Amino acid sequence: MVEPSEQPDACPRCDGRGWVVEPDEGSGRARPCDCRRGDAVPRLLSAAGIPPRYERCSLTNFQEGGNEQLLRAKTLCQRYVDGFLGADGGFSESGLILIGPPGVGKTHLAVAVLVDLMRRFSLRGLFVDFTSLIHQIQSTFEPTSRDSQHAILESVMDAELLVLDELGARKPTAWVTDILYLVMNGRYTRKLPTLFTTNYSLSTVASADVRLDEMPGGPRRESLASRIPALLVSRLYEMAQVIEIESSDFRRDIKMARHR
């Protein structure tokens, strides 16, 4: 669940950036500000909304099992983590979008990146399942609700690093599309990185009313363009590096092997 959060006063040493750039012989060296040290990481992780099933996910314990697609995805995620802090002391403005069928470890990888970067840089990270987010916003319409739609969306849009899980899973009504646009455009304009996962293809072959699994050449996944507006699909290319995972349901295969 997304908890609306109060923003603390900006640190006078770093103006709320969390980093101090110290001069050296080059363009400067970034170090964490004192305001991000101490017990900040456990508190931030506790507030990140990571589901219990994924709390222990890391790139180290991601099981690729010799699968080249999974190994490549893990390598690209590690490369993203290692390059997240630029030479100018600023964080990356772009994110990742992990694409593939259910069970290949997309959410594991996204959470692993989120947790690693939160631990390294004391980021205010947040995990959001898009369907759950929609339900939570809908609950604010109840007269007894103490939350507001604005407060929930502001928490999502202001997180320094966001995981938006299961993009496209919710039926694309006009209202759902408006919420998704607010989130994506808000983060785009704020230059904040987002880690997306989706079961849907980014292929431009299919139009919004054609299922890719009905096309010649064997079963393929439905296009994301059939689930969200083409404008937002296009925006994804500006916001995130694409990591496609074409693999069988690795989670199912592992469980089957354990029961043999």
C-alpha atoms as a PDB file:
ATOM      1  CA  MET A   1       0.000   0.000   0.000  1.00  0.00           C
ATOM      2  CA  VAL A   2       1.234   3.485  -0.811  1.00  0.00           C
ATOM      3  CA  GLU A   3       1.473   5.591   2.315  1.00  0.00           C
ATOM      4  CA  PRO A   4       1.252   9.355   1.792  1.00  0.00           C
ATOM      5  CA  SER A   5       4.430  10.777   3.298  1.00  0.00           C
ATOM      6  CA  GLU A   6       5.435  14.108   4.696  1.00  0.00           C
ATOM      7  CA  GLN A   7       8.497  15.603   3.067  1.00  0.00           C
ATOM      8  CA  PRO A   8      11.183  16.609   5.609  1.00  0.00           C
ATOM      9  CA  ASP A   9      12.818  20.018   5.485  1.00  0.00           C
ATOM     10  CA  ALA A  10      15.653  20.143   2.980  1.00  0.00           C
ATOM     11  CA  CYS A  11      19.077  19.528   4.480  1.00  0.00           C
ATOM     12  CA  PRO A  12      21.094  22.788   4.409  1.00  0.00           C
ATOM     13  CA  ARG A  13      24.261  20.888   3.479  1.00  0.00           C
ATOM     14  CA  CYS A  14      22.907  19.255   0.320  1.00  0.00           C
ATOM     15  CA  ASP A  15      19.615  21.129  -0.346  1.00  0.00           C
ATOM     16  CA  GLY A  16      17.747  17.834  -0.061  1.00  0.00           C
ATOM     17  CA  ARG A  17      19.701  16.089  -2.813  1.00  0.00           C
ATOM     18  CA  GLY A  18      21.338  13.674  -0.393  1.00  0.00           C
ATOM     19  CA  TRP A  19      24.729  14.126  -2.014  1.00  0.00           C
ATOM     20  CA  VAL A  20      27.575  16.548  -1.575  1.00  0.00           C
ATOM     21  CA  VAL A  21      29.999  17.058  -4.445  1.00  0.00           C
ATOM     22  CA  GLU A  22      33.486  17.750  -3.191  1.00  0.00           C
ATOM     23  CA  PRO A  23      36.045  19.363  -5.531  1.00  0.00           C
ATOM     24  CA  ASP A  24      38.974  17.324  -6.734  1.00  0.00           C
ATOM     25  CA  GLU A  25      41.290  17.468  -9.728  1.00  0.00           C
ATOM     26  CA  GLY A  26      38.469  16.481 -12.063  1.00  0.00           C
ATOM     27  CA  SER A  27      34.773  17.376 -12.136  1.00  0.00           C
ATOM     28  CA  GLY A  28      34.279  16.638  -8.450  1.00  0.00           C
ATOM     29  CA  ARG A  29      33.612  13.618  -6.252  1.00  0.00           C
ATOM     30  CA  ALA A  30      30.205  12.786  -4.845  1.00  0.00           C
ATOM     31  CA  ARG A  31      29.729  11.457  -1.335  1.00  0.00           C
ATOM     32  CA  PRO A  32      26.573  10.770   0.678  1.00  0.00           C
ATOM     33  CA  CYS A  33      25.515  13.694   2.826  1.00  0.00           C
ATOM     34  CA  ASP A  34      25.417  13.075   6.577  1.00  0.00           C
ATOM     35  CA  CYS A  35      21.627  13.396   6.433  1.00  0.00           C
ATOM     36  CA  ARG A  36      21.486  10.069   4.572  1.00  0.00           C
ATOM     37  CA  ARG A  37      23.561   8.114   7.047  1.00  0.00           C
ATOM     38  CA  GLY A  38      22.726   6.459  10.345  1.00  0.00           C
ATOM     39  CA  ASP A  39      19.517   4.448  10.481  1.00  0.00           C
ATOM     40  CA  ALA A  40      18.100   5.939   7.280  1.00  0.00           C
ATOM     41  CA  VAL A  41      18.329   2.784   5.135  1.00  0.00           C
ATOM     42  CA  PRO A  42      16.294   0.419   7.383  1.00  0.00           C
ATOM     43  CA  ARG A  43      13.661   3.115   7.797  1.00  0.00           C
ATOM     44  CA  LEU A  44      13.499   3.792   4.064  1.00  0.00           C
ATOM     45  CA  LEU A  45      13.279   0.086   3.211  1.00  0.00           C
ATOM     46  CA  SER A  46      10.479  -0.372   5.733  1.00  0.00           C
ATOM     47  CA  ALA A  47       8.532   2.453   4.092  1.00  0.00           C
ATOM     48  CA  ALA A  48       9.140   1.283   0.508  1.00  0.00           C
ATOM     49  CA  GLY A  49       6.089  -0.985   0.340  1.00  0.00           C
ATOM     50  CA  ILE A  50       8.021  -4.032  -0.882  1.00  0.00           C
ATOM     51  CA  PRO A  51       5.771  -7.130  -0.537  1.00  0.00           C
ATOM     52  CA  PRO A  52       7.057  -9.754   1.941  1.00  0.00           C
ATOM     53  CA  ARG A  53       7.526 -12.286  -0.869  1.00  0.00           C
ATOM     54  CA  TYR A  54      10.127 -10.018  -2.489  1.00  0.00           C
ATOM     55  CA  GLU A  55      11.845  -8.521   0.565  1.00  0.00           C
ATOM     56  CA  ARG A  56      14.924 -10.755   0.216  1.00  0.00           C
ATOM     57  CA  CYS A  57      15.309 -10.363  -3.545  1.00  0.00           C
ATOM     58  CA  SER A  58      18.780  -9.401  -4.713  1.00  0.00           C
ATOM     59  CA  LEU A  59      20.814  -9.658  -7.880  1.00  0.00           C
ATOM     60  CA  THR A  60      23.086 -12.084  -6.050  1.00  0.00           C
ATOM     61  CA  ASN A  61      20.321 -14.604  -5.305  1.00  0.00           C
ATOM     62  CA  PHE A  62      18.596 -14.290  -8.688  1.00  0.00           C
ATOM     63  CA  GLN A  63      18.665 -17.788 -10.209  1.00  0.00           C
ATOM     64  CA  GLU A  64      19.342 -17.720 -13.932  1.00  0.00           C
ATOM     65  CA  GLY A  65      20.004 -21.480 -14.043  1.00  0.00           C
ATOM     66  CA  GLY A  66      22.240 -21.241 -17.085  1.00  0.00           C
ATOM     67  CA  ASN A  67      19.491 -19.524 -19.099  1.00  0.00           C
ATOM     68  CA  GLU A  68      21.172 -16.993 -21.400  1.00  0.00           C
ATOM     69  CA  GLN A  69      18.151 -14.659 -21.444  1.00  0.00           C
ATOM     70  CA  LEU A  70      17.977 -14.517 -17.646  1.00  0.00           C
ATOM     71  CA  LEU A  71      21.746 -14.096 -17.333  1.00  0.00           C
ATOM     72  CA  ARG A  72      21.656 -11.218 -19.824  1.00  0.00           C
ATOM     73  CA  ALA A  73      18.798  -9.531 -17.942  1.00  0.00           C
ATOM     74  CA  LYS A  74      20.663  -9.884 -14.636  1.00  0.00           C
ATOM     75  CA  THR A  75      23.845  -8.474 -16.203  1.00  0.00           C
ATOM     76  CA  LEU A  76      22.017  -5.443 -17.626  1.00  0.00           C
ATOM     77  CA  CYS A  77      20.373  -4.778 -14.256  1.00  0.00           C
ATOM     78  CA  GLN A  78      23.747  -4.926 -12.514  1.00  0.00           C
ATOM     79  CA  ARG A  79      25.183  -2.568 -15.116  1.00  0.00           C
ATOM     80  CA  TYR A  80      22.329  -0.143 -14.467  1.00  0.00           C
ATOM     81  CA  VAL A  81      23.000  -0.220 -10.728  1.00  0.00           C
ATOM     82  CA  ASP A  82      26.727   0.315 -11.181  1.00  0.00           C
ATOM     83  CA  GLY A  83      26.151   3.284 -13.490  1.00  0.00           C
ATOM     84  CA  PHE A  84      23.318   4.887 -11.544  1.00  0.00           C
ATOM     85  CA  LEU A  85      25.505   7.618 -10.084  1.00  0.00           C
ATOM     86  CA  GLY A  86      27.008   9.790 -12.795  1.00  0.00           C
ATOM     87  CA  ALA A  87      30.385  11.491 -12.825  1.00  0.00           C
ATOM     88  CA  ASP A  88      28.643  14.796 -12.076  1.00  0.00           C
ATOM     89  CA  GLY A  89      27.305  13.422  -8.786  1.00  0.00           C
ATOM     90  CA  GLY A  90      23.748  13.167 -10.087  1.00  0.00           C
ATOM     91  CA  PHE A  91      21.549  10.103 -10.313  1.00  0.00           C
ATOM     92  CA  SER A  92      20.356   8.547 -13.558  1.00  0.00           C
ATOM     93  CA  GLU A  93      17.167  10.102 -14.908  1.00  0.00           C
ATOM     94  CA  SER A  94      16.206   6.997 -16.887  1.00  0.00           C
ATOM     95  CA  GLY A  95      14.964   3.654 -15.610  1.00  0.00           C
ATOM     96  CA  LEU A  96      14.352   0.140 -16.875  1.00  0.00           C
ATOM     97  CA  ILE A  97      11.410  -1.719 -18.340  1.00  0.00           C
ATOM     98  CA  LEU A  98      11.540  -5.485 -17.873  1.00  0.00           C
ATOM     99  CA  ILE A  99       9.381  -7.292 -20.432  1.00  0.00           C
ATOM    100  CA  GLY A 100       8.518 -10.969 -20.525  1.00  0.00           C
ATOM    101  CA  PRO A 101       5.931 -13.651 -19.751  1.00  0.00           C
ATOM    102  CA  PRO A 102       4.905 -14.445 -16.161  1.00  0.00           C
ATOM    103  CA  GLY A 103       7.381 -16.342 -14.029  1.00  0.00           C
ATOM    104  CA  VAL A 104      10.681 -15.241 -15.561  1.00  0.00           C
ATOM    105  CA  GLY A 105      11.759 -13.085 -12.615  1.00  0.00           C
ATOM    106  CA  LYS A 106      10.909  -9.560 -13.765  1.00  0.00           C
ATOM    107  CA  THR A 107       9.652  -8.438 -10.365  1.00  0.00           C
ATOM    108  CA  HIS A 108      12.589 -10.101  -8.591  1.00  0.00           C
ATOM    109  CA  LEU A 109      15.035  -8.153 -10.751  1.00  0.00           C
ATOM    110  CA  ALA A 110      13.166  -4.850 -10.375  1.00  0.00           C
ATOM    111  CA  VAL A 111      13.029  -5.172  -6.583  1.00  0.00           C
ATOM    112  CA  ALA A 112      16.670  -6.254  -6.468  1.00  0.00           C
ATOM    113  CA  VAL A 113      17.695  -3.092  -8.324  1.00  0.00           C
ATOM    114  CA  LEU A 114      15.463  -0.969  -6.096  1.00  0.00           C
ATOM    115  CA  VAL A 115      16.867  -2.414  -2.863  1.00  0.00           C
ATOM    116  CA  ASP A 116      20.486  -2.286  -4.023  1.00  0.00           C
ATOM    117  CA  LEU A 117      20.212   1.380  -4.980  1.00  0.00           C
ATOM    118  CA  MET A 118      18.352   2.246  -1.782  1.00  0.00           C
ATOM    119  CA  ARG A 119      21.127   0.623   0.244  1.00  0.00           C
ATOM    120  CA  ARG A 120      23.912   2.285  -1.751  1.00  0.00           C
ATOM    121  CA  PHE A 121      22.484   5.801  -1.859  1.00  0.00           C
ATOM    122  CA  SER A 122      19.780   5.945   0.841  1.00  0.00           C
ATOM    123  CA  LEU A 123      17.169   6.694  -1.808  1.00  0.00           C
ATOM    124  CA  ARG A 124      13.491   7.164  -1.045  1.00  0.00           C
ATOM    125  CA  GLY A 125      12.308   4.175  -3.041  1.00  0.00           C
ATOM    126  CA  LEU A 126       8.804   2.820  -3.516  1.00  0.00           C
ATOM    127  CA  PHE A 127       7.273  -0.393  -4.867  1.00  0.00           C
ATOM    128  CA  VAL A 128       3.810  -0.108  -6.425  1.00  0.00           C
ATOM    129  CA  ASP A 129       1.700  -2.793  -8.053  1.00  0.00           C
ATOM    130  CA  PHE A 130      -0.371  -0.823 -10.548  1.00  0.00           C
ATOM    131  CA  THR A 131      -3.614  -2.739  -9.976  1.00  0.00           C
ATOM    132  CA  SER A 132      -3.279  -2.310  -6.209  1.00  0.00           C
ATOM    133  CA  LEU A 133      -2.584   1.387  -6.714  1.00  0.00           C
ATOM    134  CA  ILE A 134      -5.815   1.762  -8.683  1.00  0.00           C
ATOM    135  CA  HIS A 135      -7.792  -0.026  -5.957  1.00  0.00           C
ATOM    136  CA  GLN A 136      -6.224   2.172  -3.287  1.00  0.00           C
ATOM    137  CA  ILE A 137      -7.110   5.346  -5.165  1.00  0.00           C
ATOM    138  CA  GLN A 138     -10.662   4.081  -5.682  1.00  0.00           C
ATOM    139  CA  SER A 139     -10.934   3.503  -1.917  1.00  0.00           C
ATOM    140  CA  THR A 140     -10.393   7.236  -1.352  1.00  0.00           C
ATOM    141  CA  PHE A 141     -13.852   7.798  -2.842  1.00  0.00           C
ATOM    142  CA  GLU A 142     -15.368   6.214   0.273  1.00  0.00           C
ATOM    143  CA  PRO A 143     -16.710   8.786   2.757  1.00  0.00           C
ATOM    144  CA  THR A 144     -14.782   7.127   5.610  1.00  0.00           C
ATOM    145  CA  SER A 145     -11.413   7.210   3.821  1.00  0.00           C
ATOM    146  CA  ARG A 146      -8.690   9.215   5.541  1.00  0.00           C
ATOM    147  CA  ASP A 147      -6.456   9.241   2.444  1.00  0.00           C
ATOM    148  CA  SER A 148      -6.769  11.473  -0.579  1.00  0.00           C
ATOM    149  CA  GLN A 149      -6.106  10.692  -4.237  1.00  0.00           C
ATOM    150  CA  HIS A 150      -3.727  13.630  -4.412  1.00  0.00           C
ATOM    151  CA  ALA A 151      -1.642  12.456  -1.447  1.00  0.00           C
ATOM    152  CA  ILE A 152      -1.329   8.908  -2.814  1.00  0.00           C
ATOM    153  CA  LEU A 153      -0.345  10.051  -6.296  1.00  0.00           C
ATOM    154  CA  GLU A 154       2.103  12.604  -4.924  1.00  0.00           C
ATOM    155  CA  SER A 155       3.916   9.861  -3.000  1.00  0.00           C
ATOM    156  CA  VAL A 156       4.207   7.800  -6.178  1.00  0.00           C
ATOM    157  CA  MET A 157       5.297  10.677  -8.368  1.00  0.00           C
ATOM    158  CA  ASP A 158       7.840  12.037  -5.871  1.00  0.00           C
ATOM    159  CA  ALA A 159       9.657   8.789  -4.976  1.00  0.00           C
ATOM    160  CA  GLU A 160      13.319   9.090  -5.919  1.00  0.00           C
ATOM    161  CA  LEU A 161      13.149   5.582  -7.416  1.00  0.00           C
ATOM    162  CA  LEU A 162       9.900   3.776  -8.232  1.00  0.00           C
ATOM    163  CA  VAL A 163       9.052   0.213  -9.194  1.00  0.00           C
ATOM    164  CA  LEU A 164       5.777   0.179 -11.149  1.00  0.00           C
ATOM    165  CA  ASP A 165       4.931  -3.513 -11.327  1.00  0.00           C
ATOM    166  CA  GLU A 166       2.583  -5.182 -13.824  1.00  0.00           C
ATOM    167  CA  LEU A 167       2.179  -2.278 -16.234  1.00  0.00           C
ATOM    168  CA  GLY A 168      -0.834  -2.926 -18.469  1.00  0.00           C
ATOM    169  CA  ALA A 169      -2.422  -5.486 -16.150  1.00  0.00           C
ATOM    170  CA  ARG A 170      -5.403  -3.280 -15.364  1.00  0.00           C
ATOM    171  CA  LYS A 171      -8.265  -3.013 -17.867  1.00  0.00           C
ATOM    172  CA  PRO A 172      -7.604   0.201 -19.843  1.00  0.00           C
ATOM    173  CA  THR A 173     -10.591   2.357 -18.929  1.00  0.00           C
ATOM    174  CA  ALA A 174     -10.423   6.105 -19.469  1.00  0.00           C
ATOM    175  CA  TRP A 175     -10.036   6.715 -15.739  1.00  0.00           C
ATOM    176  CA  VAL A 176      -7.219   4.158 -15.377  1.00  0.00           C
ATOM    177  CA  THR A 177      -5.470   5.687 -18.383  1.00  0.00           C
ATOM    178  CA  ASP A 178      -5.698   9.138 -16.779  1.00  0.00           C
ATOM    179  CA  ILE A 179      -4.103   7.842 -13.568  1.00  0.00           C
ATOM    180  CA  LEU A 180      -1.294   6.153 -15.476  1.00  0.00           C
ATOM    181  CA  TYR A 181      -0.680   9.319 -17.480  1.00  0.00           C
ATOM    182  CA  LEU A 182      -0.465  11.391 -14.291  1.00  0.00           C
ATOM    183  CA  VAL A 183       2.077   8.995 -12.786  1.00  0.00           C
ATOM    184  CA  MET A 184       4.243   8.584 -15.873  1.00  0.00           C
ATOM    185  CA  ASN A 185       4.145  12.220 -16.949  1.00  0.00           C
ATOM    186  CA  GLY A 186       4.722  13.410 -13.401  1.00  0.00           C
ATOM    187  CA  ARG A 187       7.846  11.315 -13.051  1.00  0.00           C
ATOM    188  CA  TYR A 188       9.014  12.189 -16.562  1.00  0.00           C
ATOM    189  CA  THR A 189       8.808  15.921 -15.912  1.00  0.00           C
ATOM    190  CA  ARG A 190      10.501  15.510 -12.514  1.00  0.00           C
ATOM    191  CA  LYS A 191      13.301  13.491 -14.192  1.00  0.00           C
ATOM    192  CA  LEU A 192      12.864  10.652 -11.700  1.00  0.00           C
ATOM    193  CA  PRO A 193      13.796   7.081 -12.709  1.00  0.00           C
ATOM    194  CA  THR A 194      11.153   4.342 -12.838  1.00  0.00           C
ATOM    195  CA  LEU A 195      11.549   0.571 -13.053  1.00  0.00           C
ATOM    196  CA  PHE A 196       8.630  -0.952 -14.967  1.00  0.00           C
ATOM    197  CA  THR A 197       7.644  -4.594 -15.371  1.00  0.00           C
ATOM    198  CA  THR A 198       5.088  -5.860 -17.876  1.00  0.00           C
ATOM    199  CA  ASN A 199       3.847  -9.101 -19.388  1.00  0.00           C
ATOM    200  CA  TYR A 200       2.991  -7.294 -22.627  1.00  0.00           C
ATOM    201  CA  SER A 201       5.131  -6.805 -25.707  1.00  0.00           C
ATOM    202  CA  LEU A 202       6.439  -3.450 -26.866  1.00  0.00           C
ATOM    203  CA  SER A 203       6.212  -4.657 -30.456  1.00  0.00           C
ATOM    204  CA  THR A 204       4.754  -2.079 -32.833  1.00  0.00           C
ATOM    205  CA  VAL A 205       3.547  -4.803 -35.213  1.00  0.00           C
ATOM    206  CA  ALA A 206       0.163  -5.061 -33.578  1.00  0.00           C
ATOM    207  CA  SER A 207      -2.374  -2.293 -33.403  1.00  0.00           C
ATOM    208  CA  ALA A 208      -4.387  -1.576 -30.284  1.00  0.00           C
ATOM    209  CA  ASP A 209      -7.167  -4.020 -31.313  1.00  0.00           C
ATOM    210  CA  VAL A 210      -5.034  -6.947 -32.541  1.00  0.00           C
ATOM    211  CA  ARG A 211      -3.695  -9.643 -30.231  1.00  0.00           C
ATOM    212  CA  LEU A 212      -0.171 -10.721 -31.035  1.00  0.00           C
ATOM    213  CA  ASP A 213      -0.953 -14.295 -29.982  1.00  0.00           C
ATOM    214  CA  GLU A 214      -3.435 -14.501 -32.882  1.00  0.00           C
ATOM    215  CA  MET A 215      -0.873 -13.492 -35.508  1.00  0.00           C
ATOM    216  CA  PRO A 216       0.898 -15.922 -37.856  1.00  0.00           C
ATOM    217  CA  GLY A 217       4.186 -17.413 -36.659  1.00  0.00           C
ATOM    218  CA  GLY A 218       3.102 -18.972 -33.371  1.00  0.00           C
ATOM    219  CA  PRO A 219       1.802 -17.645 -30.051  1.00  0.00           C
ATOM    220  CA  ARG A 220       3.082 -14.249 -29.009  1.00  0.00           C
ATOM    221  CA  ARG A 221       2.183 -11.857 -26.228  1.00  0.00           C
ATOM    222  CA  GLU A 222      -0.409  -9.147 -26.541  1.00  0.00           C
ATOM    223  CA  SER A 223       0.941  -5.713 -27.380  1.00  0.00           C
ATOM    224  CA  LEU A 224       1.215  -3.155 -24.595  1.00  0.00           C
ATOM    225  CA  ALA A 225      -0.317  -0.708 -27.071  1.00  0.00           C
ATOM    226  CA  SER A 226      -3.589  -2.614 -26.611  1.00  0.00           C
ATOM    227  CA  ARG A 227      -3.475  -1.895 -22.872  1.00  0.00           C
ATOM    228  CA  ILE A 228      -2.219   1.693 -22.627  1.00  0.00           C
ATOM    229  CA  PRO A 229      -2.298   4.627 -25.082  1.00  0.00           C
ATOM    230  CA  ALA A 230       0.355   4.696 -27.805  1.00  0.00           C
ATOM    231  CA  LEU A 231       1.504   8.071 -26.440  1.00  0.00           C
ATOM    232  CA  LEU A 232       2.513   6.409 -23.167  1.00  0.00           C
ATOM    233  CA  VAL A 233       4.164   3.482 -24.963  1.00  0.00           C
ATOM    234  CA  SER A 234       6.265   6.021 -26.851  1.00  0.00           C
ATOM    235  CA  ARG A 235       7.071   7.818 -23.585  1.00  0.00           C
ATOM    236  CA  LEU A 236       8.405   4.537 -22.167  1.00  0.00           C
ATOM    237  CA  TYR A 237      11.248   4.590 -24.680  1.00  0.00           C
ATOM    238  CA  GLU A 238      12.286   7.991 -23.332  1.00  0.00           C
ATOM    239  CA  MET A 239      11.958   6.926 -19.693  1.00  0.00           C
ATOM    240  CA  ALA A 240      13.541   3.478 -19.605  1.00  0.00           C
ATOM    241  CA  GLN A 241      16.019   1.047 -21.116  1.00  0.00           C
ATOM    242  CA  VAL A 242      14.227  -2.002 -22.502  1.00  0.00           C
ATOM    243  CA  ILE A 243      15.188  -5.445 -21.167  1.00  0.00           C
ATOM    244  CA  GLU A 244      13.265  -8.229 -22.896  1.00  0.00           C
ATOM    245  CA  ILE A 245      13.252 -11.728 -21.425  1.00  0.00           C
ATOM    246  CA  GLU A 246      12.065 -14.439 -23.781  1.00  0.00           C
ATOM    247  CA  SER A 247      12.037 -17.512 -21.556  1.00  0.00           C
ATOM    248  CA  SER A 248       9.719 -20.206 -20.238  1.00  0.00           C
ATOM    249  CA  ASP A 249       8.061 -19.840 -16.835  1.00  0.00           C
ATOM    250  CA  PHE A 250      11.258 -20.296 -14.823  1.00  0.00           C
ATOM    251  CA  ARG A 251       9.361 -20.044 -11.527  1.00  0.00           C
ATOM    252  CA  ARG A 252       7.098 -22.944 -12.569  1.00  0.00           C
ATOM    253  CA  ASP A 253      10.036 -25.014 -13.812  1.00  0.00           C
ATOM    254  CA  ILE A 254      11.879 -24.608 -10.504  1.00  0.00           C
ATOM    255  CA  LYS A 255       8.822 -25.636  -8.488  1.00  0.00           C
ATOM    256  CA  MET A 256       8.207 -28.667 -10.682  1.00  0.00           C
ATOM    257  CA  ALA A 257      11.820 -29.745 -10.293  1.00  0.00           C
ATOM    258  CA  ARG A 258      11.564 -29.499  -6.507  1.00  0.00           C
ATOM    259  CA  HIS A 259       8.515 -31.773  -6.432  1.00  0.00           C
ATOM    260  CA  ARG A 260      10.059 -34.529  -8.533  1.00  0.00           C
END
